[in-house]
Amino acid sequence: MESYTVVRPEHLNHYGHLFGGCLLKWVDEIAWIAASRDNPGCRFVTVGMDRVEFHRGVHQGAVLRFDAGESCRGRSSVTYGVQVFADDIETGAEEPIFSTCITFVRLDEAGRKIPID
């Protein structure tokens, strides 16, 4: 699944760069949406995120492209790889800024793990 967002002033830290927490929130949300769309009717919660390493800073106005896809499936869990790229609208250049894998587990209404159909 591919998604985009624009880095706005409210997403910046006091140095003028994107807050890492904003990026992690977007990555988690987009991976969850991808997992939920690929597995209709499943109630997923995040149980883990692999390595968190920011490759470079991102400034206001950058367009971020998120690419999320399933990378591993277990009995009650599914892992999605997410890659994030920053686009420079003026030059058309795209640079990788972040990548990770996020694992979700399927829960029933009582919060117990259940198999993914």
Protein backbone atom coordinates (compact mmCIF):
# COMPACT_ATOMS: atom_id res chain seq x y z
CA MET A 1 0.00 0.00 0.00
CA GLU A 2 1.26 3.45 -0.82
CA SER A 3 0.35 6.65 1.02
CA TYR A 4 1.56 10.25 1.17
CA THR A 5 1.65 13.12 3.65
CA VAL A 6 3.06 16.65 3.75
CA VAL A 7 5.36 17.75 6.58
CA ARG A 8 3.72 20.83 8.15
CA PRO A 9 4.93 23.29 10.82
CA GLU A 10 3.10 21.40 13.60
CA HIS A 11 5.21 18.31 12.80
CA LEU A 12 8.56 20.06 13.40
CA ASN A 13 10.86 20.11 16.40
CA HIS A 14 12.64 23.22 17.68
CA TYR A 15 15.46 22.67 15.15
CA GLY A 16 13.06 22.80 12.21
CA HIS A 17 13.15 19.07 11.46
CA LEU A 18 10.37 16.49 11.53
CA PHE A 19 9.78 15.06 15.02
CA GLY A 20 10.70 11.37 15.02
CA GLY A 21 7.54 10.60 16.99
CA CYS A 22 5.35 12.03 14.22
CA LEU A 23 7.04 9.79 11.68
CA LEU A 24 6.66 6.72 13.92
CA LYS A 25 2.96 7.49 14.40
CA TRP A 26 2.42 7.73 10.64
CA VAL A 27 4.39 4.54 9.98
CA ASP A 28 2.34 2.63 12.58
CA GLU A 29 -0.97 3.97 11.24
CA ILE A 30 -0.17 3.24 7.61
CA ALA A 31 1.06 -0.29 8.35
CA TRP A 32 -2.08 -0.92 10.45
CA ILE A 33 -4.30 0.33 7.61
CA ALA A 34 -2.47 -1.92 5.13
CA ALA A 35 -2.81 -4.96 7.43
CA SER A 36 -6.49 -4.23 8.09
CA ARG A 37 -7.28 -3.78 4.40
CA ASP A 38 -5.42 -6.97 3.49
CA ASN A 39 -7.23 -8.92 6.25
CA PRO A 40 -10.83 -7.65 6.46
CA GLY A 41 -12.59 -8.29 9.75
CA CYS A 42 -9.36 -8.74 11.74
CA ARG A 43 -8.81 -6.62 14.84
CA PHE A 44 -5.07 -5.86 14.93
CA VAL A 45 -2.93 -4.17 17.57
CA THR A 46 0.74 -3.28 17.30
CA VAL A 47 3.03 -5.57 19.30
CA GLY A 48 6.42 -4.53 18.02
CA MET A 49 8.49 -2.38 15.73
CA ASP A 50 11.94 -3.41 14.58
CA ARG A 51 14.90 -1.12 14.42
CA VAL A 52 14.18 2.60 14.62
CA GLU A 53 16.89 4.53 12.82
CA PHE A 54 16.35 7.84 11.04
CA HIS A 55 18.57 8.14 7.95
CA ARG A 56 18.29 11.93 7.55
CA GLY A 57 16.33 14.95 8.72
CA VAL A 58 13.20 16.13 6.95
CA HIS A 59 12.18 19.78 6.62
CA GLN A 60 8.81 21.50 6.38
CA GLY A 61 7.13 21.12 3.01
CA ALA A 62 8.62 17.75 2.17
CA VAL A 63 6.21 15.19 0.77
CA LEU A 64 6.67 11.80 2.40
CA ARG A 65 5.83 8.61 0.53
CA PHE A 66 5.10 5.51 2.59
CA ASP A 67 5.27 2.04 1.07
CA ALA A 68 3.88 -0.75 3.28
CA GLY A 69 3.57 -4.44 2.47
CA GLU A 70 3.29 -7.78 4.21
CA SER A 71 6.63 -9.43 4.88
CA CYS A 72 5.79 -12.31 7.25
CA ARG A 73 2.69 -14.12 8.53
CA GLY A 74 2.29 -16.24 11.63
CA ARG A 75 -0.66 -18.01 13.17
CA SER A 76 -2.06 -14.92 14.95
CA SER A 77 0.38 -12.24 13.83
CA VAL A 78 1.41 -10.46 10.67
CA THR A 79 4.47 -8.30 9.98
CA TYR A 80 4.56 -5.41 7.53
CA GLY A 81 7.65 -3.75 6.15
CA VAL A 82 7.42 0.02 5.76
CA GLN A 83 9.76 2.21 3.76
CA VAL A 84 9.55 6.01 3.88
CA PHE A 85 10.88 8.36 1.23
CA ALA A 86 11.09 12.17 1.20
CA ASP A 87 10.27 13.86 -2.09
CA ASP A 88 11.62 17.27 -3.00
CA ILE A 89 8.76 18.83 -4.97
CA GLU A 90 11.06 21.37 -6.63
CA THR A 91 13.67 18.90 -7.94
CA GLY A 92 11.63 15.71 -8.08
CA ALA A 93 14.36 13.89 -6.16
CA GLU A 94 13.36 11.17 -3.71
CA GLU A 95 15.51 9.98 -0.81
CA PRO A 96 14.95 7.09 1.61
CA ILE A 97 14.65 8.41 5.15
CA PHE A 98 13.36 5.49 7.23
CA SER A 99 12.43 1.82 7.13
CA THR A 100 11.23 -0.71 9.67
CA CYS A 101 9.03 -3.76 10.18
CA ILE A 102 5.94 -3.62 12.38
CA THR A 103 4.26 -6.70 13.84
CA PHE A 104 0.56 -6.81 14.61
CA VAL A 105 -1.37 -9.47 16.46
CA ARG A 106 -5.03 -10.32 15.92
CA LEU A 107 -7.21 -10.08 19.03
CA ASP A 108 -10.78 -11.06 19.75
CA GLU A 109 -13.21 -8.72 21.50
CA ALA A 110 -11.93 -9.86 24.93
CA GLY A 111 -8.32 -9.05 24.00
CA ARG A 112 -7.16 -12.65 23.47
CA LYS A 113 -4.97 -13.67 20.52
CA ILE A 114 -6.82 -15.55 17.82
CA PRO A 115 -5.70 -17.04 14.49
CA ILE A 116 -5.75 -14.94 11.35
CA ASP A 117 -8.22 -16.45 8.89
